[in-house]
Amino acid sequence: MSIKNQWKEKWVNQPGFMLITVVIWSIFIGLCIKAGALIMNTTYSFFNPVVAKNLYEGLDLYGLLKENYWYYLGAVSFMIIIQVLKAVIFLLMIKIFLAINLKQPFSLTIFNLIEKISYVSLQVGILTIFSSHYFKWLAKRGFDLPPVSPAYVSGAFEYLFMAALIYALAQVFKRGTEIQSENELTV
């Protein structure tokens, strides 16, 4: 069956899932744009430091770049890695919605993807904690830091909680896969 026919069949049989997939795609693209803009502007700021005055959406780390190049690099690295990992979460969600079949929803593929989302969510939570502490540490040392947007240094608890919930959901899917395969063997 061609890919075109598979997509057409999914839209006919699972229109709700495909609509959610389109929404997830748009969020994924937005996160990729944000991460890409941070990467490009950070790279450009090494050649033209004035760019650091507005890295992305008003983020001004020019003072930090002027005072210490390495601390600046650490700060933007945290922000870039967190944004990339958030995009990875949505990429994995896209893969789930494209792979799931409502006739046989439990599979090892879906279990593995859900488990990966929990691990990436855990990484985002931990990195957000480190990032928040890093910015507090820099501020305590007297570096020129404007208030950093909560999008970059907050939400750690939410991601840690999400990681735990999604890991539990992955275990349910693992057990569902086992039961589904047992039922197939007994039929």
C-alpha atoms as a PDB file:
ATOM      1  CA  MET A   1       0.000   0.000   0.000  1.00  0.00           C
ATOM      2  CA  SER A   2       1.433   3.374  -0.993  1.00  0.00           C
ATOM      3  CA  ILE A   3       2.066   6.130   1.524  1.00  0.00           C
ATOM      4  CA  LYS A   4      -0.612   8.259  -0.127  1.00  0.00           C
ATOM      5  CA  ASN A   5      -3.184   5.496   0.364  1.00  0.00           C
ATOM      6  CA  GLN A   6      -2.080   4.975   3.978  1.00  0.00           C
ATOM      7  CA  TRP A   7      -2.598   8.683   4.715  1.00  0.00           C
ATOM      8  CA  LYS A   8      -5.963   8.669   2.964  1.00  0.00           C
ATOM      9  CA  GLU A   9      -7.038   5.593   4.961  1.00  0.00           C
ATOM     10  CA  LYS A  10      -5.926   7.219   8.234  1.00  0.00           C
ATOM     11  CA  TRP A  11      -7.903  10.386   7.445  1.00  0.00           C
ATOM     12  CA  VAL A  12     -11.012   8.294   6.710  1.00  0.00           C
ATOM     13  CA  ASN A  13     -10.701   5.847   9.637  1.00  0.00           C
ATOM     14  CA  GLN A  14      -9.064   8.062  12.273  1.00  0.00           C
ATOM     15  CA  PRO A  15      -9.850  11.701  11.437  1.00  0.00           C
ATOM     16  CA  GLY A  16      -9.539  12.834  15.068  1.00  0.00           C
ATOM     17  CA  PHE A  17      -6.015  11.456  15.355  1.00  0.00           C
ATOM     18  CA  MET A  18      -4.983  13.002  12.060  1.00  0.00           C
ATOM     19  CA  LEU A  19      -6.373  16.397  13.096  1.00  0.00           C
ATOM     20  CA  ILE A  20      -4.407  16.193  16.353  1.00  0.00           C
ATOM     21  CA  THR A  21      -1.347  15.226  14.309  1.00  0.00           C
ATOM     22  CA  VAL A  22      -1.704  18.407  12.245  1.00  0.00           C
ATOM     23  CA  VAL A  23      -1.859  20.503  15.445  1.00  0.00           C
ATOM     24  CA  ILE A  24       1.174  18.698  16.857  1.00  0.00           C
ATOM     25  CA  TRP A  25       3.029  19.309  13.582  1.00  0.00           C
ATOM     26  CA  SER A  26       2.360  23.045  13.867  1.00  0.00           C
ATOM     27  CA  ILE A  27       3.676  23.109  17.453  1.00  0.00           C
ATOM     28  CA  PHE A  28       6.715  21.075  16.382  1.00  0.00           C
ATOM     29  CA  ILE A  29       7.455  23.502  13.544  1.00  0.00           C
ATOM     30  CA  GLY A  30       7.128  26.454  15.941  1.00  0.00           C
ATOM     31  CA  LEU A  31       9.575  24.878  18.389  1.00  0.00           C
ATOM     32  CA  CYS A  32      12.008  24.124  15.554  1.00  0.00           C
ATOM     33  CA  ILE A  33      11.813  27.750  14.435  1.00  0.00           C
ATOM     34  CA  LYS A  34      12.483  28.922  17.990  1.00  0.00           C
ATOM     35  CA  ALA A  35      15.444  26.554  18.427  1.00  0.00           C
ATOM     36  CA  GLY A  36      16.784  27.406  14.974  1.00  0.00           C
ATOM     37  CA  ALA A  37      16.503  31.142  15.607  1.00  0.00           C
ATOM     38  CA  LEU A  38      18.365  30.757  18.898  1.00  0.00           C
ATOM     39  CA  ILE A  39      21.101  28.705  17.224  1.00  0.00           C
ATOM     40  CA  MET A  40      21.482  31.078  14.270  1.00  0.00           C
ATOM     41  CA  ASN A  41      21.386  34.261  16.358  1.00  0.00           C
ATOM     42  CA  THR A  42      23.794  32.824  18.918  1.00  0.00           C
ATOM     43  CA  THR A  43      26.214  31.844  16.183  1.00  0.00           C
ATOM     44  CA  TYR A  44      25.882  35.265  14.571  1.00  0.00           C
ATOM     45  CA  SER A  45      26.385  36.974  17.946  1.00  0.00           C
ATOM     46  CA  PHE A  46      29.910  35.526  18.114  1.00  0.00           C
ATOM     47  CA  PHE A  47      30.802  37.554  15.002  1.00  0.00           C
ATOM     48  CA  ASN A  48      28.623  40.581  15.796  1.00  0.00           C
ATOM     49  CA  PRO A  49      28.048  40.890  19.564  1.00  0.00           C
ATOM     50  CA  VAL A  50      25.287  43.489  19.128  1.00  0.00           C
ATOM     51  CA  VAL A  51      23.018  40.626  17.987  1.00  0.00           C
ATOM     52  CA  ALA A  52      23.015  39.379  21.592  1.00  0.00           C
ATOM     53  CA  LYS A  53      20.835  42.382  22.489  1.00  0.00           C
ATOM     54  CA  ASN A  54      17.888  40.590  20.882  1.00  0.00           C
ATOM     55  CA  LEU A  55      18.630  36.883  20.510  1.00  0.00           C
ATOM     56  CA  TYR A  56      14.989  35.880  20.227  1.00  0.00           C
ATOM     57  CA  GLU A  57      11.774  37.595  21.302  1.00  0.00           C
ATOM     58  CA  GLY A  58      13.600  40.357  23.171  1.00  0.00           C
ATOM     59  CA  LEU A  59      16.072  38.102  25.005  1.00  0.00           C
ATOM     60  CA  ASP A  60      19.002  40.416  25.790  1.00  0.00           C
ATOM     61  CA  LEU A  61      22.220  38.714  26.863  1.00  0.00           C
ATOM     62  CA  TYR A  62      24.544  41.373  25.433  1.00  0.00           C
ATOM     63  CA  GLY A  63      25.817  42.389  28.878  1.00  0.00           C
ATOM     64  CA  LEU A  64      26.718  38.810  29.731  1.00  0.00           C
ATOM     65  CA  LEU A  65      28.481  38.325  26.383  1.00  0.00           C
ATOM     66  CA  LYS A  66      30.520  41.496  26.953  1.00  0.00           C
ATOM     67  CA  GLU A  67      31.495  40.425  30.482  1.00  0.00           C
ATOM     68  CA  ASN A  68      32.254  36.736  29.929  1.00  0.00           C
ATOM     69  CA  TYR A  69      32.094  34.819  26.646  1.00  0.00           C
ATOM     70  CA  TRP A  70      32.062  31.372  28.301  1.00  0.00           C
ATOM     71  CA  TYR A  71      29.221  32.152  30.706  1.00  0.00           C
ATOM     72  CA  TYR A  72      27.252  33.521  27.770  1.00  0.00           C
ATOM     73  CA  LEU A  73      27.921  30.342  25.816  1.00  0.00           C
ATOM     74  CA  GLY A  74      26.748  28.253  28.794  1.00  0.00           C
ATOM     75  CA  ALA A  75      23.536  30.269  29.157  1.00  0.00           C
ATOM     76  CA  VAL A  76      22.542  30.058  25.511  1.00  0.00           C
ATOM     77  CA  SER A  77      23.552  26.387  25.362  1.00  0.00           C
ATOM     78  CA  PHE A  78      21.070  25.575  28.121  1.00  0.00           C
ATOM     79  CA  MET A  79      18.315  27.460  26.301  1.00  0.00           C
ATOM     80  CA  ILE A  80      19.065  25.864  22.931  1.00  0.00           C
ATOM     81  CA  ILE A  81      19.258  22.318  24.287  1.00  0.00           C
ATOM     82  CA  ILE A  82      15.971  22.738  26.173  1.00  0.00           C
ATOM     83  CA  GLN A  83      14.214  24.044  23.052  1.00  0.00           C
ATOM     84  CA  VAL A  84      15.587  21.218  20.907  1.00  0.00           C
ATOM     85  CA  LEU A  85      14.458  18.610  23.457  1.00  0.00           C
ATOM     86  CA  LYS A  86      10.970  20.144  23.552  1.00  0.00           C
ATOM     87  CA  ALA A  87      10.846  19.824  19.763  1.00  0.00           C
ATOM     88  CA  VAL A  88      11.953  16.181  20.073  1.00  0.00           C
ATOM     89  CA  ILE A  89       9.005  15.512  22.400  1.00  0.00           C
ATOM     90  CA  PHE A  90       6.601  16.740  19.746  1.00  0.00           C
ATOM     91  CA  LEU A  91       8.404  14.812  17.014  1.00  0.00           C
ATOM     92  CA  LEU A  92       7.924  11.630  19.037  1.00  0.00           C
ATOM     93  CA  MET A  93       4.251  12.521  19.512  1.00  0.00           C
ATOM     94  CA  ILE A  94       3.879  12.877  15.740  1.00  0.00           C
ATOM     95  CA  LYS A  95       5.406   9.447  15.287  1.00  0.00           C
ATOM     96  CA  ILE A  96       2.941   7.991  17.806  1.00  0.00           C
ATOM     97  CA  PHE A  97      -0.098   9.470  16.103  1.00  0.00           C
ATOM     98  CA  LEU A  98       1.095   8.315  12.698  1.00  0.00           C
ATOM     99  CA  ALA A  99       1.908   4.793  13.914  1.00  0.00           C
ATOM    100  CA  ILE A 100      -1.090   4.116  16.141  1.00  0.00           C
ATOM    101  CA  ASN A 101      -3.820   1.865  14.840  1.00  0.00           C
ATOM    102  CA  LEU A 102      -7.108   1.935  16.742  1.00  0.00           C
ATOM    103  CA  LYS A 103      -7.889  -1.664  15.751  1.00  0.00           C
ATOM    104  CA  GLN A 104      -4.763  -2.850  17.582  1.00  0.00           C
ATOM    105  CA  PRO A 105      -3.562   0.130  19.631  1.00  0.00           C
ATOM    106  CA  PHE A 106      -0.969  -1.676  21.736  1.00  0.00           C
ATOM    107  CA  SER A 107       2.375  -2.307  20.077  1.00  0.00           C
ATOM    108  CA  LEU A 108       6.017  -2.278  21.053  1.00  0.00           C
ATOM    109  CA  THR A 109       6.589   0.631  18.672  1.00  0.00           C
ATOM    110  CA  ILE A 110       4.057   2.793  20.509  1.00  0.00           C
ATOM    111  CA  PHE A 111       5.393   1.656  23.890  1.00  0.00           C
ATOM    112  CA  ASN A 112       8.970   2.586  22.879  1.00  0.00           C
ATOM    113  CA  LEU A 113       7.899   6.001  21.616  1.00  0.00           C
ATOM    114  CA  ILE A 114       5.916   6.762  24.775  1.00  0.00           C
ATOM    115  CA  GLU A 115       8.835   5.656  26.924  1.00  0.00           C
ATOM    116  CA  LYS A 116      11.199   7.901  24.930  1.00  0.00           C
ATOM    117  CA  ILE A 117       8.876  10.855  25.521  1.00  0.00           C
ATOM    118  CA  SER A 118       9.060  10.225  29.266  1.00  0.00           C
ATOM    119  CA  TYR A 119      12.869  10.149  29.156  1.00  0.00           C
ATOM    120  CA  VAL A 120      13.104  13.324  27.077  1.00  0.00           C
ATOM    121  CA  SER A 121      10.597  15.051  29.395  1.00  0.00           C
ATOM    122  CA  LEU A 122      12.776  14.064  32.343  1.00  0.00           C
ATOM    123  CA  GLN A 123      15.807  15.551  30.570  1.00  0.00           C
ATOM    124  CA  VAL A 124      13.923  18.806  29.909  1.00  0.00           C
ATOM    125  CA  GLY A 125      12.898  19.018  33.571  1.00  0.00           C
ATOM    126  CA  ILE A 126      16.410  18.395  34.859  1.00  0.00           C
ATOM    127  CA  LEU A 127      18.021  20.793  32.372  1.00  0.00           C
ATOM    128  CA  THR A 128      15.457  23.458  33.248  1.00  0.00           C
ATOM    129  CA  ILE A 129      16.403  23.118  36.923  1.00  0.00           C
ATOM    130  CA  PHE A 130      20.106  23.430  36.046  1.00  0.00           C
ATOM    131  CA  SER A 131      19.373  26.372  33.747  1.00  0.00           C
ATOM    132  CA  SER A 132      17.386  28.193  36.417  1.00  0.00           C
ATOM    133  CA  HIS A 133      20.128  27.669  38.986  1.00  0.00           C
ATOM    134  CA  TYR A 134      22.763  28.722  36.477  1.00  0.00           C
ATOM    135  CA  PHE A 135      20.996  32.043  35.829  1.00  0.00           C
ATOM    136  CA  LYS A 136      20.562  32.597  39.581  1.00  0.00           C
ATOM    137  CA  TRP A 137      24.251  31.824  40.091  1.00  0.00           C
ATOM    138  CA  LEU A 138      25.222  34.326  37.382  1.00  0.00           C
ATOM    139  CA  ALA A 139      22.956  36.994  38.894  1.00  0.00           C
ATOM    140  CA  LYS A 140      24.435  36.384  42.352  1.00  0.00           C
ATOM    141  CA  ARG A 141      27.916  36.897  40.900  1.00  0.00           C
ATOM    142  CA  GLY A 142      26.813  40.313  39.635  1.00  0.00           C
ATOM    143  CA  PHE A 143      26.675  39.630  35.916  1.00  0.00           C
ATOM    144  CA  ASP A 144      24.538  41.920  33.786  1.00  0.00           C
ATOM    145  CA  LEU A 145      21.426  39.788  33.272  1.00  0.00           C
ATOM    146  CA  PRO A 146      17.986  41.077  32.417  1.00  0.00           C
ATOM    147  CA  PRO A 147      15.021  39.060  33.642  1.00  0.00           C
ATOM    148  CA  VAL A 148      15.078  35.897  31.535  1.00  0.00           C
ATOM    149  CA  SER A 149      11.780  34.793  30.048  1.00  0.00           C
ATOM    150  CA  PRO A 150      10.039  32.012  31.976  1.00  0.00           C
ATOM    151  CA  ALA A 151       9.928  30.067  28.698  1.00  0.00           C
ATOM    152  CA  TYR A 152      13.634  29.418  29.147  1.00  0.00           C
ATOM    153  CA  VAL A 153      14.059  28.788  32.879  1.00  0.00           C
ATOM    154  CA  SER A 154      10.738  27.660  34.330  1.00  0.00           C
ATOM    155  CA  GLY A 155       8.453  24.665  34.087  1.00  0.00           C
ATOM    156  CA  ALA A 156      10.839  22.109  35.536  1.00  0.00           C
ATOM    157  CA  PHE A 157       8.270  20.644  37.916  1.00  0.00           C
ATOM    158  CA  GLU A 158       5.726  20.319  35.111  1.00  0.00           C
ATOM    159  CA  TYR A 159       8.160  18.402  32.914  1.00  0.00           C
ATOM    160  CA  LEU A 160       9.277  16.146  35.763  1.00  0.00           C
ATOM    161  CA  PHE A 161       5.644  15.417  36.619  1.00  0.00           C
ATOM    162  CA  MET A 162       4.855  14.831  32.943  1.00  0.00           C
ATOM    163  CA  ALA A 163       7.810  12.432  32.702  1.00  0.00           C
ATOM    164  CA  ALA A 164       6.457  10.387  35.613  1.00  0.00           C
ATOM    165  CA  LEU A 165       2.930  10.275  34.195  1.00  0.00           C
ATOM    166  CA  ILE A 166       4.077   9.363  30.712  1.00  0.00           C
ATOM    167  CA  TYR A 167       6.384   6.672  32.073  1.00  0.00           C
ATOM    168  CA  ALA A 168       3.403   5.171  33.925  1.00  0.00           C
ATOM    169  CA  LEU A 169       1.382   5.345  30.696  1.00  0.00           C
ATOM    170  CA  ALA A 170       4.232   3.589  28.875  1.00  0.00           C
ATOM    171  CA  GLN A 171       4.087   0.768  31.412  1.00  0.00           C
ATOM    172  CA  VAL A 172       0.337   0.442  30.811  1.00  0.00           C
ATOM    173  CA  PHE A 173       1.016   0.247  27.066  1.00  0.00           C
ATOM    174  CA  LYS A 174       3.698  -2.379  27.678  1.00  0.00           C
ATOM    175  CA  ARG A 175       1.241  -4.500  29.653  1.00  0.00           C
ATOM    176  CA  GLY A 176      -1.434  -3.889  27.006  1.00  0.00           C
ATOM    177  CA  THR A 177       0.985  -5.140  24.363  1.00  0.00           C
ATOM    178  CA  GLU A 178       1.611  -8.301  26.374  1.00  0.00           C
ATOM    179  CA  ILE A 179      -2.114  -8.952  26.842  1.00  0.00           C
ATOM    180  CA  GLN A 180      -2.843  -8.212  23.184  1.00  0.00           C
ATOM    181  CA  SER A 181      -0.163 -10.659  22.017  1.00  0.00           C
ATOM    182  CA  GLU A 182      -1.453 -13.319  24.447  1.00  0.00           C
ATOM    183  CA  ASN A 183      -4.963 -12.865  23.061  1.00  0.00           C
ATOM    184  CA  GLU A 184      -3.680 -13.233  19.492  1.00  0.00           C
ATOM    185  CA  LEU A 185      -1.990 -16.501  20.449  1.00  0.00           C
ATOM    186  CA  THR A 186      -5.118 -17.933  22.071  1.00  0.00           C
ATOM    187  CA  VAL A 187      -7.433 -17.112  19.148  1.00  0.00           C
END
